[in-house]
PDB file of all heavy atoms in Angstrom:
ATOM      1  N   LEU A   1       0.826  -1.199   0.000  1.00  0.00           N
ATOM      2  CA  LEU A   1       0.000   0.000   0.000  1.00  0.00           C
ATOM      3  C   LEU A   1       0.865   1.255   0.000  1.00  0.00           C
ATOM      4  O   LEU A   1       1.981   1.257   0.524  1.00  0.00           O
ATOM      5  CB  LEU A   1      -0.905   0.014   1.240  1.00  0.00           C
ATOM      6  CG  LEU A   1      -1.832  -1.192   1.429  1.00  0.00           C
ATOM      7  CD1 LEU A   1      -2.500  -1.137   2.797  1.00  0.00           C
ATOM      8  CD2 LEU A   1      -2.876  -1.243   0.322  1.00  0.00           C
ATOM      9  N   GLN A   2       0.328   2.303  -0.571  1.00  0.00           N
ATOM     10  CA  GLN A   2       1.044   3.575  -0.577  1.00  0.00           C
ATOM     11  C   GLN A   2       0.926   4.267   0.777  1.00  0.00           C
ATOM     12  O   GLN A   2      -0.129   4.213   1.424  1.00  0.00           O
ATOM     13  CB  GLN A   2       0.501   4.489  -1.664  1.00  0.00           C
ATOM     14  CG  GLN A   2       0.909   4.106  -3.075  1.00  0.00           C
ATOM     15  CD  GLN A   2       0.549   5.171  -4.088  1.00  0.00           C
ATOM     16  OE1 GLN A   2      -0.235   6.082  -3.816  1.00  0.00           O
ATOM     17  NE2 GLN A   2       1.122   5.077  -5.269  1.00  0.00           N
ATOM     18  N   ASN A   3       2.013   4.936   1.175  1.00  0.00           N
ATOM     19  CA  ASN A   3       1.919   5.778   2.362  1.00  0.00           C
ATOM     20  C   ASN A   3       1.549   7.196   1.949  1.00  0.00           C
ATOM     21  O   ASN A   3       1.287   7.463   0.760  1.00  0.00           O
ATOM     22  CB  ASN A   3       3.231   5.742   3.163  1.00  0.00           C
ATOM     23  CG  ASN A   3       4.422   6.263   2.381  1.00  0.00           C
ATOM     24  OD1 ASN A   3       4.284   6.963   1.370  1.00  0.00           O
ATOM     25  ND2 ASN A   3       5.611   5.928   2.849  1.00  0.00           N
ATOM     26  N   LEU A   4       1.503   8.113   2.899  1.00  0.00           N
ATOM     27  CA  LEU A   4       1.067   9.473   2.584  1.00  0.00           C
ATOM     28  C   LEU A   4       2.026  10.206   1.668  1.00  0.00           C
ATOM     29  O   LEU A   4       1.651  11.188   1.030  1.00  0.00           O
ATOM     30  CB  LEU A   4       0.869  10.258   3.893  1.00  0.00           C
ATOM     31  CG  LEU A   4      -0.324   9.820   4.761  1.00  0.00           C
ATOM     32  CD1 LEU A   4      -0.305  10.552   6.098  1.00  0.00           C
ATOM     33  CD2 LEU A   4      -1.631  10.056   4.029  1.00  0.00           C
ATOM     34  N   ALA A   5       3.257   9.719   1.573  1.00  0.00           N
ATOM     35  CA  ALA A   5       4.245  10.329   0.682  1.00  0.00           C
ATOM     36  C   ALA A   5       4.213   9.716  -0.708  1.00  0.00           C
ATOM     37  O   ALA A   5       4.956  10.144  -1.595  1.00  0.00           O
ATOM     38  CB  ALA A   5       5.646  10.181   1.280  1.00  0.00           C
ATOM     39  N   GLY A   6       3.338   8.736  -0.912  1.00  0.00           N
ATOM     40  CA  GLY A   6       3.220   8.103  -2.220  1.00  0.00           C
ATOM     41  C   GLY A   6       4.126   6.899  -2.421  1.00  0.00           C
ATOM     42  O   GLY A   6       4.133   6.294  -3.493  1.00  0.00           O
ATOM     43  N   LYS A   7       4.899   6.527  -1.389  1.00  0.00           N
ATOM     44  CA  LYS A   7       5.787   5.369  -1.498  1.00  0.00           C
ATOM     45  C   LYS A   7       5.012   4.101  -1.176  1.00  0.00           C
ATOM     46  O   LYS A   7       4.234   4.057  -0.228  1.00  0.00           O
ATOM     47  CB  LYS A   7       6.958   5.512  -0.528  1.00  0.00           C
ATOM     48  CG  LYS A   7       7.895   4.322  -0.532  1.00  0.00           C
ATOM     49  CD  LYS A   7       9.001   4.478   0.513  1.00  0.00           C
ATOM     50  CE  LYS A   7       9.888   3.240   0.559  1.00  0.00           C
ATOM     51  NZ  LYS A   7      10.953   3.356   1.592  1.00  0.00           N
ATOM     52  N   ARG A   8       5.230   3.061  -1.973  1.00  0.00           N
ATOM     53  CA  ARG A   8       4.549   1.796  -1.734  1.00  0.00           C
ATOM     54  C   ARG A   8       5.306   0.995  -0.674  1.00  0.00           C
ATOM     55  O   ARG A   8       6.518   0.799  -0.760  1.00  0.00           O
ATOM     56  CB  ARG A   8       4.425   0.991  -3.028  1.00  0.00           C
ATOM     57  CG  ARG A   8       3.484  -0.210  -2.916  1.00  0.00           C
ATOM     58  CD  ARG A   8       3.042  -0.708  -4.279  1.00  0.00           C
ATOM     59  NE  ARG A   8       2.188   0.260  -4.959  1.00  0.00           N
ATOM     60  CZ  ARG A   8       0.887   0.401  -4.749  1.00  0.00           C
ATOM     61  NH1 ARG A   8       0.269  -0.368  -3.874  1.00  0.00           N
ATOM     62  NH2 ARG A   8       0.203   1.311  -5.410  1.00  0.00           N
ATOM     63  N   VAL A   9       4.577   0.554   0.327  1.00  0.00           N
ATOM     64  CA  VAL A   9       5.146  -0.191   1.444  1.00  0.00           C
ATOM     65  C   VAL A   9       4.466  -1.557   1.497  1.00  0.00           C
ATOM     66  O   VAL A   9       3.236  -1.650   1.459  1.00  0.00           O
ATOM     67  CB  VAL A   9       4.931   0.549   2.781  1.00  0.00           C
ATOM     68  CG1 VAL A   9       5.486  -0.259   3.938  1.00  0.00           C
ATOM     69  CG2 VAL A   9       5.551   1.936   2.719  1.00  0.00           C
ATOM     70  N   SER A  10       5.253  -2.616   1.593  1.00  0.00           N
ATOM     71  CA  SER A  10       4.679  -3.962   1.585  1.00  0.00           C
ATOM     72  C   SER A  10       4.876  -4.663   2.919  1.00  0.00           C
ATOM     73  O   SER A  10       5.826  -4.386   3.663  1.00  0.00           O
ATOM     74  CB  SER A  10       5.309  -4.805   0.476  1.00  0.00           C
ATOM     75  OG  SER A  10       6.627  -5.167   0.805  1.00  0.00           O
ATOM     76  N   SER A  11       3.986  -5.576   3.196  1.00  0.00           N
ATOM     77  CA  SER A  11       4.093  -6.369   4.419  1.00  0.00           C
ATOM     78  C   SER A  11       5.336  -7.248   4.393  1.00  0.00           C
ATOM     79  O   SER A  11       5.876  -7.602   5.441  1.00  0.00           O
ATOM     80  CB  SER A  11       2.838  -7.228   4.605  1.00  0.00           C
ATOM     81  OG  SER A  11       2.586  -8.008   3.446  1.00  0.00           O
ATOM     82  N   ALA A  12       5.803  -7.594   3.190  1.00  0.00           N
ATOM     83  CA  ALA A  12       6.999  -8.428   3.069  1.00  0.00           C
ATOM     84  C   ALA A  12       8.209  -7.740   3.698  1.00  0.00           C
ATOM     85  O   ALA A  12       9.105  -8.402   4.238  1.00  0.00           O
ATOM     86  CB  ALA A  12       7.273  -8.743   1.604  1.00  0.00           C
ATOM     87  N   GLU A  13       8.239  -6.403   3.651  1.00  0.00           N
ATOM     88  CA  GLU A  13       9.340  -5.642   4.235  1.00  0.00           C
ATOM     89  C   GLU A  13       9.346  -5.729   5.753  1.00  0.00           C
ATOM     90  O   GLU A  13      10.349  -5.405   6.403  1.00  0.00           O
ATOM     91  CB  GLU A  13       9.241  -4.171   3.818  1.00  0.00           C
ATOM     92  CG  GLU A  13       9.282  -3.924   2.314  1.00  0.00           C
ATOM     93  CD  GLU A  13       8.939  -2.484   1.971  1.00  0.00           C
ATOM     94  OE1 GLU A  13       9.232  -1.596   2.804  1.00  0.00           O
ATOM     95  OE2 GLU A  13       8.380  -2.241   0.901  1.00  0.00           O
ATOM     96  N   MET A  14       8.239  -6.130   6.331  1.00  0.00           N
ATOM     97  CA  MET A  14       8.090  -6.171   7.786  1.00  0.00           C
ATOM     98  C   MET A  14       8.241  -7.579   8.337  1.00  0.00           C
ATOM     99  O   MET A  14       8.013  -7.818   9.522  1.00  0.00           O
ATOM    100  CB  MET A  14       6.715  -5.595   8.163  1.00  0.00           C
ATOM    101  CG  MET A  14       6.454  -4.228   7.568  1.00  0.00           C
ATOM    102  SD  MET A  14       4.749  -3.684   7.798  1.00  0.00           S
ATOM    103  CE  MET A  14       4.726  -2.199   6.772  1.00  0.00           C
ATOM    104  N   SER A  15       8.618  -8.497   7.508  1.00  0.00           N
ATOM    105  CA  SER A  15       8.743  -9.898   7.904  1.00  0.00           C
ATOM    106  C   SER A  15       9.679 -10.060   9.100  1.00  0.00           C
ATOM    107  O   SER A  15      10.732  -9.423   9.176  1.00  0.00           O
ATOM    108  CB  SER A  15       9.270 -10.714   6.725  1.00  0.00           C
ATOM    109  OG  SER A  15       9.455 -12.065   7.083  1.00  0.00           O
ATOM    110  N   GLY A  16       9.281 -10.904  10.038  1.00  0.00           N
ATOM    111  CA  GLY A  16      10.101 -11.193  11.203  1.00  0.00           C
ATOM    112  C   GLY A  16       9.905 -10.248  12.368  1.00  0.00           C
ATOM    113  O   GLY A  16      10.524 -10.422  13.423  1.00  0.00           O
ATOM    114  N   LYS A  17       9.052  -9.250  12.204  1.00  0.00           N
ATOM    115  CA  LYS A  17       8.793  -8.283  13.275  1.00  0.00           C
ATOM    116  C   LYS A  17       7.395  -8.476  13.855  1.00  0.00           C
ATOM    117  O   LYS A  17       6.514  -9.055  13.216  1.00  0.00           O
ATOM    118  CB  LYS A  17       8.943  -6.858  12.747  1.00  0.00           C
ATOM    119  CG  LYS A  17      10.344  -6.518  12.252  1.00  0.00           C
ATOM    120  CD  LYS A  17      10.441  -5.070  11.832  1.00  0.00           C
ATOM    121  CE  LYS A  17      11.834  -4.738  11.312  1.00  0.00           C
ATOM    122  NZ  LYS A  17      12.866  -4.847  12.373  1.00  0.00           N
ATOM    123  N   ILE A  18       7.220  -7.979  15.056  1.00  0.00           N
ATOM    124  CA  ILE A  18       5.882  -7.910  15.642  1.00  0.00           C
ATOM    125  C   ILE A  18       5.214  -6.689  15.029  1.00  0.00           C
ATOM    126  O   ILE A  18       5.742  -5.576  15.098  1.00  0.00           O
ATOM    127  CB  ILE A  18       5.960  -7.779  17.173  1.00  0.00           C
ATOM    128  CG1 ILE A  18       6.577  -9.053  17.772  1.00  0.00           C
ATOM    129  CG2 ILE A  18       4.577  -7.507  17.759  1.00  0.00           C
ATOM    130  CD1 ILE A  18       6.964  -8.903  19.223  1.00  0.00           C
ATOM    131  N   LEU A  19       4.069  -6.906  14.438  1.00  0.00           N
ATOM    132  CA  LEU A  19       3.397  -5.851  13.676  1.00  0.00           C
ATOM    133  C   LEU A  19       2.030  -5.542  14.286  1.00  0.00           C
ATOM    134  O   LEU A  19       1.223  -6.445  14.521  1.00  0.00           O
ATOM    135  CB  LEU A  19       3.231  -6.316  12.229  1.00  0.00           C
ATOM    136  CG  LEU A  19       2.620  -5.352  11.218  1.00  0.00           C
ATOM    137  CD1 LEU A  19       3.461  -4.097  11.081  1.00  0.00           C
ATOM    138  CD2 LEU A  19       2.476  -6.055   9.868  1.00  0.00           C
ATOM    139  N   VAL A  20       1.800  -4.263  14.550  1.00  0.00           N
ATOM    140  CA  VAL A  20       0.486  -3.798  15.001  1.00  0.00           C
ATOM    141  C   VAL A  20      -0.130  -3.027  13.844  1.00  0.00           C
ATOM    142  O   VAL A  20       0.434  -2.033  13.383  1.00  0.00           O
ATOM    143  CB  VAL A  20       0.602  -2.892  16.241  1.00  0.00           C
ATOM    144  CG1 VAL A  20      -0.784  -2.379  16.661  1.00  0.00           C
ATOM    145  CG2 VAL A  20       1.266  -3.638  17.395  1.00  0.00           C
ATOM    146  N   VAL A  21      -1.266  -3.500  13.351  1.00  0.00           N
ATOM    147  CA  VAL A  21      -1.936  -2.878  12.209  1.00  0.00           C
ATOM    148  C   VAL A  21      -3.289  -2.343  12.670  1.00  0.00           C
ATOM    149  O   VAL A  21      -4.182  -3.118  13.023  1.00  0.00           O
ATOM    150  CB  VAL A  21      -2.140  -3.871  11.049  1.00  0.00           C
ATOM    151  CG1 VAL A  21      -2.736  -3.157   9.844  1.00  0.00           C
ATOM    152  CG2 VAL A  21      -0.829  -4.552  10.682  1.00  0.00           C
ATOM    153  N   ASN A  22      -3.423  -1.022  12.645  1.00  0.00           N
ATOM    154  CA  ASN A  22      -4.659  -0.382  13.093  1.00  0.00           C
ATOM    155  C   ASN A  22      -5.415   0.180  11.892  1.00  0.00           C
ATOM    156  O   ASN A  22      -4.868   0.951  11.109  1.00  0.00           O
ATOM    157  CB  ASN A  22      -4.331   0.744  14.087  1.00  0.00           C
ATOM    158  CG  ASN A  22      -5.556   1.524  14.515  1.00  0.00           C
ATOM    159  OD1 ASN A  22      -5.895   2.539  13.924  1.00  0.00           O
ATOM    160  ND2 ASN A  22      -6.214   1.053  15.555  1.00  0.00           N
ATOM    161  N   PHE A  23      -6.681  -0.220  11.739  1.00  0.00           N
ATOM    162  CA  PHE A  23      -7.537   0.273  10.651  1.00  0.00           C
ATOM    163  C   PHE A  23      -8.396   1.406  11.193  1.00  0.00           C
ATOM    164  O   PHE A  23      -9.095   1.244  12.197  1.00  0.00           O
ATOM    165  CB  PHE A  23      -8.429  -0.855  10.135  1.00  0.00           C
ATOM    166  CG  PHE A  23      -7.671  -1.969   9.473  1.00  0.00           C
ATOM    167  CD1 PHE A  23      -7.139  -3.017  10.223  1.00  0.00           C
ATOM    168  CD2 PHE A  23      -7.491  -1.986   8.095  1.00  0.00           C
ATOM    169  CE1 PHE A  23      -6.440  -4.054   9.613  1.00  0.00           C
ATOM    170  CE2 PHE A  23      -6.794  -3.015   7.471  1.00  0.00           C
ATOM    171  CZ  PHE A  23      -6.261  -4.053   8.236  1.00  0.00           C
ATOM    172  N   TRP A  24      -8.375   2.545  10.488  1.00  0.00           N
ATOM    173  CA  TRP A  24      -9.077   3.721  10.986  1.00  0.00           C
ATOM    174  C   TRP A  24      -9.503   4.637   9.849  1.00  0.00           C
ATOM    175  O   TRP A  24      -9.258   4.366   8.682  1.00  0.00           O
ATOM    176  CB  TRP A  24      -8.171   4.493  11.947  1.00  0.00           C
ATOM    177  CG  TRP A  24      -7.010   5.179  11.274  1.00  0.00           C
ATOM    178  CD1 TRP A  24      -5.958   4.582  10.634  1.00  0.00           C
ATOM    179  CD2 TRP A  24      -6.794   6.591  11.154  1.00  0.00           C
ATOM    180  NE1 TRP A  24      -5.088   5.531  10.131  1.00  0.00           N
ATOM    181  CE2 TRP A  24      -5.567   6.769  10.445  1.00  0.00           C
ATOM    182  CE3 TRP A  24      -7.495   7.706  11.597  1.00  0.00           C
ATOM    183  CZ2 TRP A  24      -5.053   8.034  10.164  1.00  0.00           C
ATOM    184  CZ3 TRP A  24      -6.971   8.966  11.316  1.00  0.00           C
ATOM    185  CH2 TRP A  24      -5.757   9.119  10.618  1.00  0.00           C
ATOM    186  N   GLY A  25     -10.171   5.729  10.214  1.00  0.00           N
ATOM    187  CA  GLY A  25     -10.563   6.747   9.244  1.00  0.00           C
ATOM    188  C   GLY A  25     -10.984   8.001   9.990  1.00  0.00           C
ATOM    189  O   GLY A  25     -11.455   7.925  11.133  1.00  0.00           O
ATOM    190  N   LEU A  26     -10.830   9.152   9.364  1.00  0.00           N
ATOM    191  CA  LEU A  26     -11.224  10.397  10.004  1.00  0.00           C
ATOM    192  C   LEU A  26     -12.734  10.470  10.227  1.00  0.00           C
ATOM    193  O   LEU A  26     -13.201  11.222  11.087  1.00  0.00           O
ATOM    194  CB  LEU A  26     -10.773  11.590   9.145  1.00  0.00           C
ATOM    195  CG  LEU A  26      -9.261  11.823   9.052  1.00  0.00           C
ATOM    196  CD1 LEU A  26      -8.975  12.995   8.118  1.00  0.00           C
ATOM    197  CD2 LEU A  26      -8.662  12.070  10.426  1.00  0.00           C
ATOM    198  N   TRP A  27     -13.483   9.715   9.458  1.00  0.00           N
ATOM    199  CA  TRP A  27     -14.943   9.697   9.581  1.00  0.00           C
ATOM    200  C   TRP A  27     -15.393   8.899  10.800  1.00  0.00           C
ATOM    201  O   TRP A  27     -16.567   8.948  11.190  1.00  0.00           O
ATOM    202  CB  TRP A  27     -15.550   9.075   8.321  1.00  0.00           C
ATOM    203  CG  TRP A  27     -14.923   7.746   7.979  1.00  0.00           C
ATOM    204  CD1 TRP A  27     -13.863   7.527   7.153  1.00  0.00           C
ATOM    205  CD2 TRP A  27     -15.289   6.472   8.500  1.00  0.00           C
ATOM    206  NE1 TRP A  27     -13.543   6.189   7.110  1.00  0.00           N
ATOM    207  CE2 TRP A  27     -14.410   5.512   7.928  1.00  0.00           C
ATOM    208  CE3 TRP A  27     -16.279   6.034   9.369  1.00  0.00           C
ATOM    209  CZ2 TRP A  27     -14.486   4.156   8.216  1.00  0.00           C
ATOM    210  CZ3 TRP A  27     -16.357   4.684   9.668  1.00  0.00           C
ATOM    211  CH2 TRP A  27     -15.473   3.758   9.098  1.00  0.00           C
ATOM    212  N   CYS A  28     -14.478   8.153  11.401  1.00  0.00           N
ATOM    213  CA  CYS A  28     -14.792   7.266  12.526  1.00  0.00           C
ATOM    214  C   CYS A  28     -14.447   7.956  13.837  1.00  0.00           C
ATOM    215  O   CYS A  28     -13.271   8.146  14.151  1.00  0.00           O
ATOM    216  CB  CYS A  28     -14.010   5.955  12.366  1.00  0.00           C
ATOM    217  SG  CYS A  28     -13.980   4.908  13.842  1.00  0.00           S
ATOM    218  N   GLY A  29     -15.462   8.337  14.598  1.00  0.00           N
ATOM    219  CA  GLY A  29     -15.243   9.076  15.839  1.00  0.00           C
ATOM    220  C   GLY A  29     -14.371   8.352  16.849  1.00  0.00           C
ATOM    221  O   GLY A  29     -13.474   8.941  17.451  1.00  0.00           O
ATOM    222  N   LEU A  30     -14.625   7.065  17.050  1.00  0.00           N
ATOM    223  CA  LEU A  30     -13.837   6.304  18.014  1.00  0.00           C
ATOM    224  C   LEU A  30     -12.390   6.140  17.548  1.00  0.00           C
ATOM    225  O   LEU A  30     -11.461   6.110  18.361  1.00  0.00           O
ATOM    226  CB  LEU A  30     -14.471   4.932  18.244  1.00  0.00           C
ATOM    227  CG  LEU A  30     -15.780   4.925  19.033  1.00  0.00           C
ATOM    228  CD1 LEU A  30     -16.342   3.510  19.131  1.00  0.00           C
ATOM    229  CD2 LEU A  30     -15.587   5.501  20.436  1.00  0.00           C
ATOM    230  N   CYS A  31     -12.205   6.033  16.227  1.00  0.00           N
ATOM    231  CA  CYS A  31     -10.845   5.953  15.679  1.00  0.00           C
ATOM    232  C   CYS A  31     -10.063   7.221  16.013  1.00  0.00           C
ATOM    233  O   CYS A  31      -8.932   7.166  16.513  1.00  0.00           O
ATOM    234  CB  CYS A  31     -10.878   5.777  14.165  1.00  0.00           C
ATOM    235  SG  CYS A  31     -11.744   4.306  13.576  1.00  0.00           S
ATOM    236  N   VAL A  32     -10.671   8.360  15.734  1.00  0.00           N
ATOM    237  CA  VAL A  32     -10.019   9.645  15.970  1.00  0.00           C
ATOM    238  C   VAL A  32      -9.721   9.824  17.458  1.00  0.00           C
ATOM    239  O   VAL A  32      -8.665  10.344  17.841  1.00  0.00           O
ATOM    240  CB  VAL A  32     -10.902  10.797  15.444  1.00  0.00           C
ATOM    241  CG1 VAL A  32     -10.353  12.145  15.883  1.00  0.00           C
ATOM    242  CG2 VAL A  32     -11.003  10.734  13.921  1.00  0.00           C
ATOM    243  N   GLU A  33     -10.645   9.359  18.298  1.00  0.00           N
ATOM    244  CA  GLU A  33     -10.471   9.503  19.740  1.00  0.00           C
ATOM    245  C   GLU A  33      -9.240   8.764  20.248  1.00  0.00           C
ATOM    246  O   GLU A  33      -8.583   9.216  21.194  1.00  0.00           O
ATOM    247  CB  GLU A  33     -11.729   8.998  20.471  1.00  0.00           C
ATOM    248  CG  GLU A  33     -11.710   9.247  21.959  1.00  0.00           C
ATOM    249  CD  GLU A  33     -13.033   8.919  22.621  1.00  0.00           C
ATOM    250  OE1 GLU A  33     -14.057   8.896  21.915  1.00  0.00           O
ATOM    251  OE2 GLU A  33     -13.043   8.698  23.848  1.00  0.00           O
ATOM    252  N   GLU A  34      -8.912   7.628  19.624  1.00  0.00           N
ATOM    253  CA  GLU A  34      -7.771   6.867  20.121  1.00  0.00           C
ATOM    254  C   GLU A  34      -6.463   7.182  19.391  1.00  0.00           C
ATOM    255  O   GLU A  34      -5.412   6.642  19.730  1.00  0.00           O
ATOM    256  CB  GLU A  34      -8.058   5.361  20.071  1.00  0.00           C
ATOM    257  CG  GLU A  34      -8.139   4.743  18.706  1.00  0.00           C
ATOM    258  CD  GLU A  34      -8.381   3.239  18.766  1.00  0.00           C
ATOM    259  OE1 GLU A  34      -8.720   2.710  19.844  1.00  0.00           O
ATOM    260  OE2 GLU A  34      -8.239   2.584  17.725  1.00  0.00           O
ATOM    261  N   MET A  35      -6.498   8.069  18.402  1.00  0.00           N
ATOM    262  CA  MET A  35      -5.272   8.397  17.679  1.00  0.00           C
ATOM    263  C   MET A  35      -4.172   9.011  18.555  1.00  0.00           C
ATOM    264  O   MET A  35      -2.985   8.731  18.325  1.00  0.00           O
ATOM    265  CB  MET A  35      -5.577   9.321  16.501  1.00  0.00           C
ATOM    266  CG  MET A  35      -6.215   8.631  15.308  1.00  0.00           C
ATOM    267  SD  MET A  35      -5.193   7.283  14.613  1.00  0.00           S
ATOM    268  CE  MET A  35      -6.134   5.843  15.161  1.00  0.00           C
ATOM    269  N   PRO A  36      -4.489   9.836  19.563  1.00  0.00           N
ATOM    270  CA  PRO A  36      -3.408  10.308  20.436  1.00  0.00           C
ATOM    271  C   PRO A  36      -2.658   9.150  21.096  1.00  0.00           C
ATOM    272  O   PRO A  36      -1.428   9.206  21.254  1.00  0.00           O
ATOM    273  CB  PRO A  36      -4.141  11.175  21.470  1.00  0.00           C
ATOM    274  CG  PRO A  36      -5.362  11.653  20.749  1.00  0.00           C
ATOM    275  CD  PRO A  36      -5.779  10.497  19.882  1.00  0.00           C
TER     276      PRO A  36
END
């Protein structure tokens, strides 16, 4: 997937690490609340 800078980042690059993946959106009130 592309990041905000337009660079494509793949899960393959993260192999061997503990990964926390959070799905969110600005339209989601609870998402925004936990962003801090």
